[in-house]
């Protein structure tokens, strides 16, 4: 039997790196655009089970609920409690070790979370595991090399290029992946996020 105590201790230390999700126009714009787009493009049905990994302040949870879906979130701390106060089920779990059975969710929504994974290939495989066949995966991550220098953020461990993320997503088992770049301006200059979505075969 292998001893994973050092990995467990390392992951426990990373909990200290968590900070509240920044709010603002960019988050609202992306969520207002992409939730309806995902629902329409993939024909997500009323009552679909949605997991929002890293639900933050609950903006996406609210958007999915308004669309008639059944969303739950993974979150921590004060933001998690705020979402519970809004009537959402919130679970505190490590995104790489999800305590859900296989093929449980119709949608896994993962916005600005994967850059916080120390093992992104494994983390992506966990999200694939819990999706039903035909289920939809959405992820959004910051681009490296922009004026915001996302790769220098203390709890950004995996700020990869668009091509590297696409390669990992395809290796997991997704076939047709839509890949886009969202460009916007910040007080320090131009910034970019990568957006990916696909359907589990």
C-alpha atoms as a PDB file:
ATOM      1  CA  UNK A   1       0.000   0.000   0.000  1.00  0.00           C
ATOM      2  CA  UNK A   2       1.393   3.376  -1.030  1.00  0.00           C
ATOM      3  CA  UNK A   3       1.868   6.207   1.415  1.00  0.00           C
ATOM      4  CA  UNK A   4       0.326   9.475   0.172  1.00  0.00           C
ATOM      5  CA  UNK A   5       0.813  11.382   3.412  1.00  0.00           C
ATOM      6  CA  UNK A   6       3.241  13.887   1.842  1.00  0.00           C
ATOM      7  CA  UNK A   7       0.774  14.633  -0.953  1.00  0.00           C
ATOM      8  CA  UNK A   8      -2.051  15.013   1.584  1.00  0.00           C
ATOM      9  CA  UNK A   9       0.039  17.431   3.637  1.00  0.00           C
ATOM     10  CA  UNK A  10       0.984  19.411   0.537  1.00  0.00           C
ATOM     11  CA  UNK A  11      -2.662  19.715  -0.519  1.00  0.00           C
ATOM     12  CA  UNK A  12      -3.652  20.781   2.997  1.00  0.00           C
ATOM     13  CA  UNK A  13      -1.065  23.575   2.807  1.00  0.00           C
ATOM     14  CA  UNK A  14      -2.560  24.778  -0.471  1.00  0.00           C
ATOM     15  CA  UNK A  15      -5.840  25.522   1.316  1.00  0.00           C
ATOM     16  CA  UNK A  16      -4.083  28.565   2.771  1.00  0.00           C
ATOM     17  CA  UNK A  17      -3.612  29.886  -0.776  1.00  0.00           C
ATOM     18  CA  UNK A  18      -7.363  30.154  -1.467  1.00  0.00           C
ATOM     19  CA  UNK A  19      -8.780  33.652  -1.841  1.00  0.00           C
ATOM     20  CA  UNK A  20     -12.267  35.008  -2.661  1.00  0.00           C
ATOM     21  CA  UNK A  21     -13.230  35.161  -6.321  1.00  0.00           C
ATOM     22  CA  UNK A  22     -12.858  38.656  -7.784  1.00  0.00           C
ATOM     23  CA  UNK A  23     -16.153  40.088  -8.941  1.00  0.00           C
ATOM     24  CA  UNK A  24     -16.704  42.526 -11.747  1.00  0.00           C
ATOM     25  CA  UNK A  25     -17.859  43.096 -15.261  1.00  0.00           C
ATOM     26  CA  UNK A  26     -15.659  40.439 -16.893  1.00  0.00           C
ATOM     27  CA  UNK A  27     -17.073  37.588 -14.788  1.00  0.00           C
ATOM     28  CA  UNK A  28     -20.634  38.768 -15.342  1.00  0.00           C
ATOM     29  CA  UNK A  29     -20.144  39.227 -19.094  1.00  0.00           C
ATOM     30  CA  UNK A  30     -18.658  35.767 -19.591  1.00  0.00           C
ATOM     31  CA  UNK A  31     -21.272  33.984 -17.467  1.00  0.00           C
ATOM     32  CA  UNK A  32     -24.172  35.866 -19.082  1.00  0.00           C
ATOM     33  CA  UNK A  33     -22.848  34.873 -22.504  1.00  0.00           C
ATOM     34  CA  UNK A  34     -21.601  31.326 -21.944  1.00  0.00           C
ATOM     35  CA  UNK A  35     -24.317  29.751 -19.772  1.00  0.00           C
ATOM     36  CA  UNK A  36     -27.048  30.358 -22.412  1.00  0.00           C
ATOM     37  CA  UNK A  37     -24.593  29.432 -25.178  1.00  0.00           C
ATOM     38  CA  UNK A  38     -23.753  26.083 -23.560  1.00  0.00           C
ATOM     39  CA  UNK A  39     -27.422  25.318 -22.867  1.00  0.00           C
ATOM     40  CA  UNK A  40     -28.446  26.170 -26.438  1.00  0.00           C
ATOM     41  CA  UNK A  41     -25.503  24.594 -28.284  1.00  0.00           C
ATOM     42  CA  UNK A  42     -25.720  21.255 -26.468  1.00  0.00           C
ATOM     43  CA  UNK A  43     -29.469  21.168 -25.898  1.00  0.00           C
ATOM     44  CA  UNK A  44     -29.234  21.028 -22.103  1.00  0.00           C
ATOM     45  CA  UNK A  45     -32.627  20.002 -20.746  1.00  0.00           C
ATOM     46  CA  UNK A  46     -34.644  21.434 -17.856  1.00  0.00           C
ATOM     47  CA  UNK A  47     -33.672  19.693 -14.637  1.00  0.00           C
ATOM     48  CA  UNK A  48     -30.142  18.893 -15.823  1.00  0.00           C
ATOM     49  CA  UNK A  49     -27.729  18.205 -12.979  1.00  0.00           C
ATOM     50  CA  UNK A  50     -24.950  20.801 -13.054  1.00  0.00           C
ATOM     51  CA  UNK A  51     -21.778  20.814 -10.956  1.00  0.00           C
ATOM     52  CA  UNK A  52     -20.050  24.198 -10.643  1.00  0.00           C
ATOM     53  CA  UNK A  53     -16.503  23.409  -9.534  1.00  0.00           C
ATOM     54  CA  UNK A  54     -15.181  26.447  -7.704  1.00  0.00           C
ATOM     55  CA  UNK A  55     -18.546  28.207  -7.585  1.00  0.00           C
ATOM     56  CA  UNK A  56     -17.181  31.351  -5.936  1.00  0.00           C
ATOM     57  CA  UNK A  57     -19.920  33.899  -5.319  1.00  0.00           C
ATOM     58  CA  UNK A  58     -22.532  31.801  -7.127  1.00  0.00           C
ATOM     59  CA  UNK A  59     -23.099  33.819 -10.307  1.00  0.00           C
ATOM     60  CA  UNK A  60     -23.056  30.725 -12.523  1.00  0.00           C
ATOM     61  CA  UNK A  61     -25.185  28.773 -10.031  1.00  0.00           C
ATOM     62  CA  UNK A  62     -27.819  31.479 -10.264  1.00  0.00           C
ATOM     63  CA  UNK A  63     -27.669  31.532 -14.076  1.00  0.00           C
ATOM     64  CA  UNK A  64     -28.137  27.759 -14.315  1.00  0.00           C
ATOM     65  CA  UNK A  65     -30.956  27.809 -11.770  1.00  0.00           C
ATOM     66  CA  UNK A  66     -32.759  30.541 -13.714  1.00  0.00           C
ATOM     67  CA  UNK A  67     -32.403  28.367 -16.821  1.00  0.00           C
ATOM     68  CA  UNK A  68     -34.236  25.532 -15.072  1.00  0.00           C
ATOM     69  CA  UNK A  69     -31.234  23.371 -14.245  1.00  0.00           C
ATOM     70  CA  UNK A  70     -30.408  21.723 -10.906  1.00  0.00           C
ATOM     71  CA  UNK A  71     -26.991  23.166  -9.944  1.00  0.00           C
ATOM     72  CA  UNK A  72     -24.785  22.380  -6.959  1.00  0.00           C
ATOM     73  CA  UNK A  73     -21.405  23.895  -6.219  1.00  0.00           C
ATOM     74  CA  UNK A  74     -17.996  23.136  -4.826  1.00  0.00           C
ATOM     75  CA  UNK A  75     -16.668  26.021  -2.759  1.00  0.00           C
ATOM     76  CA  UNK A  76     -15.029  27.095   0.470  1.00  0.00           C
ATOM     77  CA  UNK A  77     -15.308  29.673   3.223  1.00  0.00           C
ATOM     78  CA  UNK A  78     -17.494  32.753   3.274  1.00  0.00           C
ATOM     79  CA  UNK A  79     -18.439  32.524  -0.399  1.00  0.00           C
ATOM     80  CA  UNK A  80     -19.670  28.970   0.098  1.00  0.00           C
ATOM     81  CA  UNK A  81     -21.849  30.129   2.977  1.00  0.00           C
ATOM     82  CA  UNK A  82     -23.214  33.005   0.883  1.00  0.00           C
ATOM     83  CA  UNK A  83     -24.270  30.489  -1.773  1.00  0.00           C
ATOM     84  CA  UNK A  84     -25.883  28.261   0.865  1.00  0.00           C
ATOM     85  CA  UNK A  85     -27.800  31.294   2.094  1.00  0.00           C
ATOM     86  CA  UNK A  86     -29.175  31.605  -1.458  1.00  0.00           C
ATOM     87  CA  UNK A  87     -30.496  28.044  -1.221  1.00  0.00           C
ATOM     88  CA  UNK A  88     -27.735  26.230  -3.113  1.00  0.00           C
ATOM     89  CA  UNK A  89     -26.177  22.947  -2.057  1.00  0.00           C
ATOM     90  CA  UNK A  90     -22.456  23.591  -1.613  1.00  0.00           C
ATOM     91  CA  UNK A  91     -19.883  20.878  -0.968  1.00  0.00           C
ATOM     92  CA  UNK A  92     -16.336  21.455   0.257  1.00  0.00           C
ATOM     93  CA  UNK A  93     -14.063  19.061  -1.654  1.00  0.00           C
ATOM     94  CA  UNK A  94     -10.740  19.061  -3.446  1.00  0.00           C
ATOM     95  CA  UNK A  95     -11.462  19.358  -7.181  1.00  0.00           C
ATOM     96  CA  UNK A  96      -8.944  16.599  -7.938  1.00  0.00           C
ATOM     97  CA  UNK A  97     -10.550  14.082  -5.559  1.00  0.00           C
ATOM     98  CA  UNK A  98     -14.272  14.456  -6.120  1.00  0.00           C
ATOM     99  CA  UNK A  99     -16.449  12.274  -3.913  1.00  0.00           C
ATOM    100  CA  UNK A 100     -19.137  11.650  -6.521  1.00  0.00           C
ATOM    101  CA  UNK A 101     -20.098   8.449  -8.321  1.00  0.00           C
ATOM    102  CA  UNK A 102     -19.268   8.017 -11.980  1.00  0.00           C
ATOM    103  CA  UNK A 103     -21.589   9.538 -14.592  1.00  0.00           C
ATOM    104  CA  UNK A 104     -23.594  11.685 -12.162  1.00  0.00           C
ATOM    105  CA  UNK A 105     -23.742  15.096 -13.879  1.00  0.00           C
ATOM    106  CA  UNK A 106     -25.104  16.437 -17.156  1.00  0.00           C
ATOM    107  CA  UNK A 107     -22.831  19.495 -17.023  1.00  0.00           C
ATOM    108  CA  UNK A 108     -19.535  20.195 -15.274  1.00  0.00           C
ATOM    109  CA  UNK A 109     -18.824  23.940 -15.233  1.00  0.00           C
ATOM    110  CA  UNK A 110     -15.264  24.818 -14.318  1.00  0.00           C
ATOM    111  CA  UNK A 111     -14.508  28.512 -14.564  1.00  0.00           C
ATOM    112  CA  UNK A 112     -11.108  29.764 -13.324  1.00  0.00           C
ATOM    113  CA  UNK A 113     -10.352  26.637 -11.358  1.00  0.00           C
ATOM    114  CA  UNK A 114      -7.963  24.438 -13.358  1.00  0.00           C
ATOM    115  CA  UNK A 115      -5.128  26.956 -13.051  1.00  0.00           C
ATOM    116  CA  UNK A 116      -5.230  26.215  -9.309  1.00  0.00           C
ATOM    117  CA  UNK A 117      -4.614  22.485  -9.817  1.00  0.00           C
ATOM    118  CA  UNK A 118      -1.173  21.044  -9.104  1.00  0.00           C
ATOM    119  CA  UNK A 119      -2.120  17.997 -11.208  1.00  0.00           C
ATOM    120  CA  UNK A 120      -4.325  19.317 -14.026  1.00  0.00           C
ATOM    121  CA  UNK A 121      -4.314  16.163 -16.164  1.00  0.00           C
ATOM    122  CA  UNK A 122      -5.616  14.128 -13.226  1.00  0.00           C
ATOM    123  CA  UNK A 123      -8.088  16.867 -12.255  1.00  0.00           C
ATOM    124  CA  UNK A 124      -9.515  16.874 -15.779  1.00  0.00           C
ATOM    125  CA  UNK A 125      -9.863  13.081 -15.638  1.00  0.00           C
ATOM    126  CA  UNK A 126     -11.938  13.383 -12.447  1.00  0.00           C
ATOM    127  CA  UNK A 127     -14.326  15.796 -14.126  1.00  0.00           C
ATOM    128  CA  UNK A 128     -14.595  13.465 -17.116  1.00  0.00           C
ATOM    129  CA  UNK A 129     -15.334  10.548 -14.770  1.00  0.00           C
ATOM    130  CA  UNK A 130     -18.338  12.196 -13.118  1.00  0.00           C
ATOM    131  CA  UNK A 131     -19.928  13.328 -16.404  1.00  0.00           C
ATOM    132  CA  UNK A 132     -22.680  11.228 -17.946  1.00  0.00           C
ATOM    133  CA  UNK A 133     -22.149  10.023 -21.531  1.00  0.00           C
ATOM    134  CA  UNK A 134     -23.225  12.982 -23.631  1.00  0.00           C
ATOM    135  CA  UNK A 135     -22.539  15.308 -20.704  1.00  0.00           C
ATOM    136  CA  UNK A 136     -21.017  18.732 -21.294  1.00  0.00           C
ATOM    137  CA  UNK A 137     -17.744  20.056 -19.908  1.00  0.00           C
ATOM    138  CA  UNK A 138     -16.936  23.778 -19.793  1.00  0.00           C
ATOM    139  CA  UNK A 139     -13.674  25.252 -18.569  1.00  0.00           C
ATOM    140  CA  UNK A 140     -12.169  28.715 -18.570  1.00  0.00           C
ATOM    141  CA  UNK A 141      -8.616  29.586 -17.592  1.00  0.00           C
ATOM    142  CA  UNK A 142      -6.349  32.640 -17.725  1.00  0.00           C
ATOM    143  CA  UNK A 143      -3.754  33.021 -20.452  1.00  0.00           C
ATOM    144  CA  UNK A 144      -0.048  33.169 -19.588  1.00  0.00           C
ATOM    145  CA  UNK A 145       2.081  36.056 -20.754  1.00  0.00           C
ATOM    146  CA  UNK A 146      -0.502  38.837 -20.510  1.00  0.00           C
ATOM    147  CA  UNK A 147      -0.189  42.177 -18.732  1.00  0.00           C
ATOM    148  CA  UNK A 148      -1.865  40.627 -15.671  1.00  0.00           C
ATOM    149  CA  UNK A 149       0.924  38.021 -15.309  1.00  0.00           C
ATOM    150  CA  UNK A 150      -1.456  35.287 -14.141  1.00  0.00           C
ATOM    151  CA  UNK A 151       1.422  32.828 -13.911  1.00  0.00           C
ATOM    152  CA  UNK A 152       2.869  34.812 -10.973  1.00  0.00           C
ATOM    153  CA  UNK A 153      -0.304  34.571  -8.856  1.00  0.00           C
ATOM    154  CA  UNK A 154       0.575  32.727  -5.603  1.00  0.00           C
ATOM    155  CA  UNK A 155      -2.057  30.002  -6.118  1.00  0.00           C
ATOM    156  CA  UNK A 156      -1.869  29.679  -9.896  1.00  0.00           C
ATOM    157  CA  UNK A 157       0.105  26.485 -10.427  1.00  0.00           C
ATOM    158  CA  UNK A 158      -0.956  25.573 -13.971  1.00  0.00           C
ATOM    159  CA  UNK A 159      -1.200  28.609 -16.248  1.00  0.00           C
ATOM    160  CA  UNK A 160      -0.755  26.836 -19.575  1.00  0.00           C
ATOM    161  CA  UNK A 161      -1.024  27.848 -23.211  1.00  0.00           C
ATOM    162  CA  UNK A 162      -4.229  27.333 -25.166  1.00  0.00           C
ATOM    163  CA  UNK A 163      -2.576  24.513 -27.142  1.00  0.00           C
ATOM    164  CA  UNK A 164      -1.425  22.713 -23.982  1.00  0.00           C
ATOM    165  CA  UNK A 165      -4.895  22.820 -22.417  1.00  0.00           C
ATOM    166  CA  UNK A 166      -6.483  21.600 -25.640  1.00  0.00           C
ATOM    167  CA  UNK A 167      -4.047  18.690 -25.781  1.00  0.00           C
ATOM    168  CA  UNK A 168      -4.865  17.628 -22.208  1.00  0.00           C
ATOM    169  CA  UNK A 169      -8.627  17.894 -22.803  1.00  0.00           C
ATOM    170  CA  UNK A 170      -8.375  15.715 -25.900  1.00  0.00           C
ATOM    171  CA  UNK A 171      -6.154  13.156 -24.170  1.00  0.00           C
ATOM    172  CA  UNK A 172      -8.816  12.735 -21.488  1.00  0.00           C
ATOM    173  CA  UNK A 173     -11.264  11.512 -24.132  1.00  0.00           C
ATOM    174  CA  UNK A 174     -13.189  14.506 -25.450  1.00  0.00           C
ATOM    175  CA  UNK A 175     -13.326  14.535 -29.233  1.00  0.00           C
ATOM    176  CA  UNK A 176     -14.830  17.763 -30.596  1.00  0.00           C
ATOM    177  CA  UNK A 177     -13.666  20.683 -28.468  1.00  0.00           C
ATOM    178  CA  UNK A 178     -14.684  24.282 -29.054  1.00  0.00           C
ATOM    179  CA  UNK A 179     -11.772  26.531 -28.126  1.00  0.00           C
ATOM    180  CA  UNK A 180     -12.015  30.319 -27.900  1.00  0.00           C
ATOM    181  CA  UNK A 181     -10.112  33.265 -26.499  1.00  0.00           C
ATOM    182  CA  UNK A 182     -11.825  36.101 -24.614  1.00  0.00           C
ATOM    183  CA  UNK A 183      -9.874  39.363 -24.881  1.00  0.00           C
ATOM    184  CA  UNK A 184     -10.421  42.361 -22.638  1.00  0.00           C
ATOM    185  CA  UNK A 185      -8.631  45.344 -21.156  1.00  0.00           C
ATOM    186  CA  UNK A 186      -7.571  45.851 -17.544  1.00  0.00           C
ATOM    187  CA  UNK A 187      -6.021  48.868 -15.798  1.00  0.00           C
ATOM    188  CA  UNK A 188      -2.579  47.353 -16.481  1.00  0.00           C
ATOM    189  CA  UNK A 189      -3.207  46.435 -20.113  1.00  0.00           C
ATOM    190  CA  UNK A 190      -4.671  43.709 -22.317  1.00  0.00           C
ATOM    191  CA  UNK A 191      -5.663  40.360 -20.850  1.00  0.00           C
ATOM    192  CA  UNK A 192      -7.048  37.083 -22.170  1.00  0.00           C
ATOM    193  CA  UNK A 193      -8.934  34.015 -20.966  1.00  0.00           C
ATOM    194  CA  UNK A 194      -9.163  30.675 -22.776  1.00  0.00           C
ATOM    195  CA  UNK A 195     -12.616  29.060 -23.050  1.00  0.00           C
ATOM    196  CA  UNK A 196     -13.141  25.385 -23.878  1.00  0.00           C
ATOM    197  CA  UNK A 197     -16.268  23.271 -24.081  1.00  0.00           C
ATOM    198  CA  UNK A 198     -16.985  19.772 -25.260  1.00  0.00           C
ATOM    199  CA  UNK A 199     -19.291  16.793 -24.889  1.00  0.00           C
ATOM    200  CA  UNK A 200     -18.359  13.421 -23.423  1.00  0.00           C
ATOM    201  CA  UNK A 201     -18.768  10.636 -26.000  1.00  0.00           C
END
